[in-house]
């Protein structure tokens, strides 16, 4: 249960092979997507379902998360954590 916006993230697996290996800062999140700002300033919308992400949290931990497990609205995250 963590806010994803502002975290650095990378896509380690995706049904769309073009998305694999993308790294950047999470700048937006919807029910079904995560928007990364890539180092060159480009914004890339990645579907949560069928993707696996690694998020770097402020404590330094890197957490691998299956996008299917977070494919809901960000404001519903506290409810799902219970």
Protein backbone atom coordinates (compact mmCIF):
# COMPACT_ATOMS: atom_id res chain seq x y z
CA UNK A 1 0.00 0.00 0.00
CA UNK A 2 2.02 2.91 -1.31
CA UNK A 3 1.50 5.92 -3.53
CA UNK A 4 3.09 5.10 -6.88
CA UNK A 5 3.27 8.61 -8.32
CA UNK A 6 6.78 9.93 -7.83
CA UNK A 7 8.46 6.53 -7.61
CA UNK A 8 11.03 5.34 -10.11
CA UNK A 9 9.83 2.26 -11.94
CA UNK A 10 10.86 -0.12 -14.66
CA UNK A 11 8.88 -2.59 -16.74
CA UNK A 12 10.46 -6.03 -16.40
CA UNK A 13 7.83 -8.03 -18.31
CA UNK A 14 5.00 -7.05 -20.57
CA UNK A 15 2.74 -8.61 -23.17
CA UNK A 16 3.92 -5.74 -25.40
CA UNK A 17 7.62 -6.47 -25.85
CA UNK A 18 8.26 -2.80 -26.76
CA UNK A 19 7.46 -1.82 -23.16
CA UNK A 20 9.96 -4.21 -21.57
CA UNK A 21 12.99 -2.47 -20.13
CA UNK A 22 11.38 0.98 -19.99
CA UNK A 23 12.46 2.98 -16.94
CA UNK A 24 11.27 6.27 -15.60
CA UNK A 25 9.37 8.18 -12.96
CA UNK A 26 5.68 7.43 -12.40
CA UNK A 27 3.84 10.69 -13.17
CA UNK A 28 0.26 9.40 -13.34
CA UNK A 29 -1.80 6.32 -12.58
CA UNK A 30 -5.28 5.25 -13.61
CA UNK A 31 -7.31 2.12 -13.00
CA UNK A 32 -5.64 0.33 -15.88
CA UNK A 33 -2.40 2.19 -16.64
CA UNK A 34 0.77 3.69 -15.26
CA UNK A 35 2.33 6.69 -17.02
CA UNK A 36 6.12 6.84 -16.94
CA UNK A 37 8.18 9.90 -17.76
CA UNK A 38 11.23 8.47 -19.49
CA UNK A 39 14.70 10.02 -19.09
CA UNK A 40 14.35 11.79 -22.47
CA UNK A 41 11.15 13.50 -21.25
CA UNK A 42 8.79 11.32 -23.29
CA UNK A 43 5.68 10.05 -21.51
CA UNK A 44 4.74 6.42 -21.97
CA UNK A 45 1.42 4.87 -20.85
CA UNK A 46 1.90 1.24 -19.78
CA UNK A 47 -1.07 -1.09 -19.17
CA UNK A 48 -1.04 -2.57 -15.68
CA UNK A 49 -2.58 -5.86 -16.75
CA UNK A 50 -0.10 -8.13 -18.48
CA UNK A 51 2.88 -6.15 -17.13
CA UNK A 52 5.28 -6.65 -14.22
CA UNK A 53 6.92 -3.59 -12.68
CA UNK A 54 9.81 -2.97 -10.30
CA UNK A 55 9.26 0.10 -8.11
CA UNK A 56 12.04 1.77 -6.12
CA UNK A 57 10.60 3.03 -2.83
CA UNK A 58 12.25 5.85 -0.82
CA UNK A 59 13.79 3.41 1.69
CA UNK A 60 15.87 1.98 -1.16
CA UNK A 61 13.93 -1.25 -1.53
CA UNK A 62 13.05 -2.46 -5.00
CA UNK A 63 9.66 -4.16 -5.13
CA UNK A 64 8.48 -6.32 -8.00
CA UNK A 65 4.73 -5.98 -8.53
CA UNK A 66 2.47 -7.85 -10.93
CA UNK A 67 0.31 -5.22 -12.62
CA UNK A 68 -2.74 -7.48 -12.33
CA UNK A 69 -2.54 -7.06 -8.55
CA UNK A 70 -2.78 -3.26 -8.78
CA UNK A 71 -5.26 -2.99 -11.66
CA UNK A 72 -7.77 -0.85 -9.78
CA UNK A 73 -8.20 2.83 -9.03
CA UNK A 74 -5.39 4.28 -6.90
CA UNK A 75 -7.89 5.67 -4.40
CA UNK A 76 -9.15 2.12 -3.79
CA UNK A 77 -5.70 0.87 -2.71
CA UNK A 78 -6.31 1.32 1.05
CA UNK A 79 -9.57 -0.66 0.78
CA UNK A 80 -7.86 -3.51 -1.08
CA UNK A 81 -5.05 -3.69 1.49
CA UNK A 82 -7.42 -4.69 4.26
